[in-house]
Each structure stands twice: as C-alpha cells, then as structure tokens.
Amino acid sequence: MSTQDKRPRRRGGGGGGSGGGKRKVDPFLADKTLKIDWKDPQLLMRFITERGKIVPRRVSGVSAKNQRKLAKAIKQARQMAMLPYGGHKIALRNLV
C-alpha cells in the first residue's frame, strides 16, 4: 500500500478559476450626470431586487459611500410612496 495519494495536491492561494473577474465600476463615479436622489424612482429601482431588498455592494458594484447614499435615498423614497416596500412584482400586481 502506498502512502502517497495518487491525486495531485492543490496548493493554497491562486486566483484563477471561477468567482474572480473584472471589478465592477461604480455607475455614479463613471457617469457624473447620475445623481442619487429619492425623487428618481427609475434609477433607484435598478438597485432593488424583485423582493424589494436593496442590492448589496458586491453585486451592484457601488462604492461604500454611494451605497450609504443609495440606501438612504431608497428608504426615503419608500416613505414618500415613490417606491414599493415589496418590490417590482408586488407593485405590478397591485396596478392590474
């Protein structure tokens, strides 16, 4: 019986493989004309899931500073009834 495993060992670290990739660019830094404002529901809807949750930074690619501004604007728009609390599908269902 051999003491060595026949499969090659993986060394720690490394960056190849799935999960890596190009870093997302903050859309608010790339396009200076975009402003985070609670009165712009079309823009804010891009950062809300179907269930009404605020999309995290790692998914949207927004910087930490702009994520805080975005979350505050979304919450403010919800309070002012510009955005639904439940998400896209619930809002569309209520319209029909």
N, C-alpha and C. Protein backbone atom coordinates (compact mmCIF):
# COMPACT_ATOMS: atom_id res chain seq x y z
N MET A 1 0.82 -1.18 0.00
CA MET A 1 0.00 0.00 0.00
C MET A 1 0.87 1.25 0.00
N SER A 2 0.55 2.18 -0.84
CA SER A 2 1.34 3.39 -0.97
C SER A 2 0.88 4.45 0.03
N THR A 3 1.82 5.21 0.55
CA THR A 3 1.47 6.28 1.49
C THR A 3 1.14 7.57 0.77
N GLN A 4 1.49 7.65 -0.49
CA GLN A 4 1.21 8.87 -1.25
C GLN A 4 -0.14 8.77 -1.95
N ASP A 5 -0.82 9.88 -1.98
CA ASP A 5 -2.09 9.96 -2.68
C ASP A 5 -1.80 10.10 -4.17
N LYS A 6 -2.58 9.47 -4.99
CA LYS A 6 -2.34 9.50 -6.43
C LYS A 6 -2.80 10.81 -7.07
N ARG A 7 -3.70 11.53 -6.41
CA ARG A 7 -4.18 12.80 -6.95
C ARG A 7 -3.18 13.91 -6.65
N PRO A 8 -3.00 14.84 -7.57
CA PRO A 8 -2.09 15.96 -7.27
C PRO A 8 -2.69 16.87 -6.20
N ARG A 9 -1.84 17.38 -5.35
CA ARG A 9 -2.31 18.26 -4.28
C ARG A 9 -2.49 19.67 -4.79
N ARG A 10 -3.47 20.32 -4.22
CA ARG A 10 -3.68 21.72 -4.55
C ARG A 10 -2.91 22.57 -3.57
N ARG A 11 -2.26 23.54 -4.10
CA ARG A 11 -1.55 24.49 -3.25
C ARG A 11 -2.50 25.62 -2.91
N GLY A 12 -2.37 26.21 -1.77
CA GLY A 12 -3.24 27.31 -1.35
C GLY A 12 -3.04 28.53 -2.22
N GLY A 13 -3.97 29.44 -2.11
CA GLY A 13 -3.86 30.68 -2.87
C GLY A 13 -4.28 30.49 -4.30
N GLY A 14 -3.81 31.35 -5.13
CA GLY A 14 -4.16 31.27 -6.55
C GLY A 14 -5.37 32.12 -6.84
N GLY A 15 -5.45 32.60 -8.03
CA GLY A 15 -6.55 33.48 -8.36
C GLY A 15 -7.39 33.01 -9.53
N GLY A 16 -6.92 31.99 -10.23
CA GLY A 16 -7.66 31.54 -11.40
C GLY A 16 -8.95 30.86 -10.99
N GLY A 17 -9.68 30.38 -11.92
CA GLY A 17 -10.91 29.67 -11.61
C GLY A 17 -12.11 30.60 -11.56
N SER A 18 -13.22 30.02 -11.19
CA SER A 18 -14.45 30.81 -11.19
C SER A 18 -14.53 31.70 -9.96
N GLY A 19 -15.35 32.70 -10.05
CA GLY A 19 -15.52 33.62 -8.93
C GLY A 19 -14.71 34.89 -9.08
N GLY A 20 -13.62 34.82 -9.77
CA GLY A 20 -12.81 36.02 -9.98
C GLY A 20 -13.42 36.85 -11.08
N GLY A 21 -12.68 37.75 -11.57
CA GLY A 21 -13.18 38.52 -12.69
C GLY A 21 -12.88 39.98 -12.55
N LYS A 22 -13.38 40.72 -13.50
CA LYS A 22 -13.15 42.14 -13.54
C LYS A 22 -13.98 42.83 -12.47
N ARG A 23 -13.39 43.81 -11.85
CA ARG A 23 -14.08 44.58 -10.82
C ARG A 23 -15.13 45.48 -11.45
N LYS A 24 -16.29 45.56 -10.81
CA LYS A 24 -17.35 46.41 -11.34
C LYS A 24 -17.04 47.87 -11.05
N VAL A 25 -17.47 48.72 -11.95
CA VAL A 25 -17.23 50.15 -11.81
C VAL A 25 -18.49 50.79 -11.23
N ASP A 26 -18.28 51.68 -10.28
CA ASP A 26 -19.39 52.40 -9.66
C ASP A 26 -20.07 53.25 -10.73
N PRO A 27 -21.36 53.02 -11.02
CA PRO A 27 -22.02 53.79 -12.08
C PRO A 27 -22.12 55.28 -11.75
N PHE A 28 -22.12 55.64 -10.48
CA PHE A 28 -22.23 57.04 -10.10
C PHE A 28 -20.89 57.77 -10.25
N LEU A 29 -19.79 57.03 -10.18
CA LEU A 29 -18.48 57.63 -10.41
C LEU A 29 -18.14 57.65 -11.90
N ALA A 30 -18.63 56.66 -12.64
CA ALA A 30 -18.36 56.59 -14.07
C ALA A 30 -19.14 57.66 -14.85
N ASP A 31 -20.38 57.88 -14.45
CA ASP A 31 -21.24 58.85 -15.13
C ASP A 31 -21.57 59.97 -14.14
N LYS A 32 -20.92 61.09 -14.31
CA LYS A 32 -21.07 62.20 -13.37
C LYS A 32 -22.46 62.84 -13.42
N THR A 33 -23.23 62.57 -14.48
CA THR A 33 -24.56 63.16 -14.57
C THR A 33 -25.57 62.43 -13.68
N LEU A 34 -25.27 61.19 -13.31
CA LEU A 34 -26.16 60.43 -12.42
C LEU A 34 -26.05 60.96 -11.00
N LYS A 35 -27.18 61.28 -10.42
CA LYS A 35 -27.21 61.75 -9.04
C LYS A 35 -28.14 60.83 -8.25
N ILE A 36 -27.75 60.50 -7.03
CA ILE A 36 -28.59 59.69 -6.16
C ILE A 36 -29.63 60.62 -5.54
N ASP A 37 -30.88 60.41 -5.92
CA ASP A 37 -31.96 61.26 -5.44
C ASP A 37 -33.19 60.41 -5.19
N TRP A 38 -33.86 60.62 -4.08
CA TRP A 38 -35.05 59.83 -3.75
C TRP A 38 -36.21 60.13 -4.69
N LYS A 39 -36.14 61.22 -5.44
CA LYS A 39 -37.21 61.60 -6.37
C LYS A 39 -37.05 60.95 -7.74
N ASP A 40 -36.07 60.07 -7.90
CA ASP A 40 -35.83 59.39 -9.18
C ASP A 40 -36.06 57.88 -9.00
N PRO A 41 -37.32 57.43 -9.02
CA PRO A 41 -37.59 56.01 -8.76
C PRO A 41 -37.05 55.07 -9.83
N GLN A 42 -36.94 55.52 -11.08
CA GLN A 42 -36.42 54.66 -12.14
C GLN A 42 -34.97 54.26 -11.86
N LEU A 43 -34.18 55.20 -11.39
CA LEU A 43 -32.79 54.92 -11.06
C LEU A 43 -32.71 54.00 -9.84
N LEU A 44 -33.50 54.29 -8.83
CA LEU A 44 -33.45 53.51 -7.60
C LEU A 44 -33.93 52.07 -7.79
N MET A 45 -34.86 51.86 -8.73
CA MET A 45 -35.37 50.51 -8.99
C MET A 45 -34.27 49.57 -9.50
N ARG A 46 -33.23 50.13 -10.10
CA ARG A 46 -32.10 49.30 -10.58
C ARG A 46 -31.35 48.66 -9.43
N PHE A 47 -31.47 49.23 -8.24
CA PHE A 47 -30.72 48.76 -7.08
C PHE A 47 -31.62 48.08 -6.05
N ILE A 48 -32.79 47.61 -6.51
CA ILE A 48 -33.71 46.87 -5.65
C ILE A 48 -34.03 45.54 -6.32
N THR A 49 -34.06 44.46 -5.54
CA THR A 49 -34.40 43.14 -6.09
C THR A 49 -35.89 43.04 -6.33
N GLU A 50 -36.30 41.92 -6.93
CA GLU A 50 -37.72 41.66 -7.17
C GLU A 50 -38.50 41.60 -5.86
N ARG A 51 -37.83 41.18 -4.80
CA ARG A 51 -38.48 41.04 -3.50
C ARG A 51 -38.48 42.34 -2.70
N GLY A 52 -37.86 43.39 -3.25
CA GLY A 52 -37.86 44.68 -2.58
C GLY A 52 -36.65 44.95 -1.72
N LYS A 53 -35.66 44.06 -1.77
CA LYS A 53 -34.45 44.26 -0.96
C LYS A 53 -33.45 45.13 -1.69
N ILE A 54 -32.66 45.86 -0.93
CA ILE A 54 -31.61 46.69 -1.51
C ILE A 54 -30.45 45.78 -1.92
N VAL A 55 -30.00 45.92 -3.15
CA VAL A 55 -28.92 45.08 -3.69
C VAL A 55 -27.62 45.41 -2.97
N PRO A 56 -26.85 44.39 -2.54
CA PRO A 56 -25.59 44.65 -1.84
C PRO A 56 -24.51 45.20 -2.77
N ARG A 57 -23.50 45.80 -2.17
CA ARG A 57 -22.39 46.41 -2.91
C ARG A 57 -21.67 45.42 -3.80
N ARG A 58 -21.44 44.22 -3.30
CA ARG A 58 -20.67 43.24 -4.07
C ARG A 58 -21.38 42.84 -5.35
N VAL A 59 -22.69 43.02 -5.40
CA VAL A 59 -23.46 42.70 -6.60
C VAL A 59 -23.57 43.92 -7.52
N SER A 60 -23.89 45.07 -6.94
CA SER A 60 -24.13 46.27 -7.75
C SER A 60 -22.85 46.97 -8.19
N GLY A 61 -21.77 46.83 -7.42
CA GLY A 61 -20.51 47.48 -7.77
C GLY A 61 -20.42 48.93 -7.32
N VAL A 62 -21.33 49.35 -6.46
CA VAL A 62 -21.35 50.73 -5.98
C VAL A 62 -20.32 50.89 -4.86
N SER A 63 -19.70 52.06 -4.76
CA SER A 63 -18.74 52.31 -3.69
C SER A 63 -19.46 52.37 -2.34
N ALA A 64 -18.71 52.27 -1.26
CA ALA A 64 -19.30 52.26 0.08
C ALA A 64 -20.04 53.56 0.37
N LYS A 65 -19.44 54.66 -0.01
CA LYS A 65 -20.05 55.97 0.22
C LYS A 65 -21.37 56.09 -0.54
N ASN A 66 -21.35 55.69 -1.81
CA ASN A 66 -22.56 55.79 -2.61
C ASN A 66 -23.61 54.75 -2.21
N GLN A 67 -23.17 53.61 -1.66
CA GLN A 67 -24.12 52.61 -1.18
C GLN A 67 -24.91 53.16 0.01
N ARG A 68 -24.24 53.89 0.88
CA ARG A 68 -24.93 54.52 2.02
C ARG A 68 -25.93 55.56 1.53
N LYS A 69 -25.52 56.37 0.56
CA LYS A 69 -26.42 57.38 -0.01
C LYS A 69 -27.61 56.72 -0.70
N LEU A 70 -27.33 55.64 -1.41
CA LEU A 70 -28.35 54.91 -2.15
C LEU A 70 -29.37 54.30 -1.20
N ALA A 71 -28.90 53.67 -0.14
CA ALA A 71 -29.80 53.06 0.84
C ALA A 71 -30.69 54.11 1.50
N LYS A 72 -30.10 55.24 1.81
CA LYS A 72 -30.86 56.33 2.44
C LYS A 72 -31.92 56.86 1.46
N ALA A 73 -31.55 57.01 0.19
CA ALA A 73 -32.49 57.51 -0.82
C ALA A 73 -33.63 56.52 -1.06
N ILE A 74 -33.31 55.22 -1.08
CA ILE A 74 -34.34 54.20 -1.28
C ILE A 74 -35.32 54.20 -0.11
N LYS A 75 -34.79 54.28 1.09
CA LYS A 75 -35.66 54.30 2.28
C LYS A 75 -36.53 55.55 2.30
N GLN A 76 -35.97 56.66 1.89
CA GLN A 76 -36.73 57.91 1.85
C GLN A 76 -37.82 57.84 0.77
N ALA A 77 -37.50 57.26 -0.38
CA ALA A 77 -38.48 57.13 -1.46
C ALA A 77 -39.61 56.18 -1.05
N ARG A 78 -39.29 55.15 -0.29
CA ARG A 78 -40.33 54.25 0.21
C ARG A 78 -41.27 54.99 1.16
N GLN A 79 -40.70 55.81 2.02
CA GLN A 79 -41.51 56.58 2.97
C GLN A 79 -42.45 57.54 2.24
N MET A 80 -41.97 58.10 1.15
CA MET A 80 -42.76 59.07 0.39
C MET A 80 -43.64 58.39 -0.67
N ALA A 81 -43.72 57.07 -0.65
CA ALA A 81 -44.55 56.26 -1.55
C ALA A 81 -44.13 56.39 -3.02
N MET A 82 -42.86 56.67 -3.25
CA MET A 82 -42.34 56.70 -4.62
C MET A 82 -41.89 55.30 -5.05
N LEU A 83 -41.51 54.47 -4.07
CA LEU A 83 -41.09 53.09 -4.31
C LEU A 83 -41.92 52.17 -3.43
N PRO A 84 -42.20 50.95 -3.93
CA PRO A 84 -42.92 49.99 -3.10
C PRO A 84 -41.98 49.33 -2.09
N TYR A 85 -42.52 48.93 -0.96
CA TYR A 85 -41.74 48.18 0.01
C TYR A 85 -41.54 46.74 -0.45
N GLY A 86 -42.50 46.22 -1.21
CA GLY A 86 -42.50 44.81 -1.57
C GLY A 86 -41.70 44.45 -2.79
N GLY A 87 -41.36 45.35 -3.65
CA GLY A 87 -40.58 45.02 -4.83
C GLY A 87 -41.35 45.23 -6.12
N HIS A 88 -40.72 44.84 -7.24
CA HIS A 88 -41.26 45.09 -8.58
C HIS A 88 -42.56 44.31 -8.81
N LYS A 89 -42.53 43.01 -8.55
CA LYS A 89 -43.67 42.17 -8.89
C LYS A 89 -44.90 42.53 -8.08
N ILE A 90 -44.71 42.85 -6.81
CA ILE A 90 -45.84 43.22 -5.97
C ILE A 90 -46.43 44.54 -6.45
N ALA A 91 -45.58 45.46 -6.84
CA ALA A 91 -46.06 46.75 -7.34
C ALA A 91 -46.84 46.57 -8.64
N LEU A 92 -46.36 45.71 -9.52
CA LEU A 92 -47.06 45.47 -10.79
C LEU A 92 -48.38 44.75 -10.56
N ARG A 93 -48.42 43.84 -9.60
CA ARG A 93 -49.64 43.10 -9.30
C ARG A 93 -50.73 44.04 -8.79
N ASN A 94 -50.37 45.05 -8.03
CA ASN A 94 -51.34 45.99 -7.49
C ASN A 94 -51.90 46.92 -8.56
N LEU A 95 -51.15 47.13 -9.62
CA LEU A 95 -51.61 48.01 -10.69
C LEU A 95 -52.67 47.35 -11.57
N VAL A 96 -52.62 46.04 -11.70
CA VAL A 96 -53.53 45.31 -12.59
C VAL A 96 -54.85 45.04 -11.92
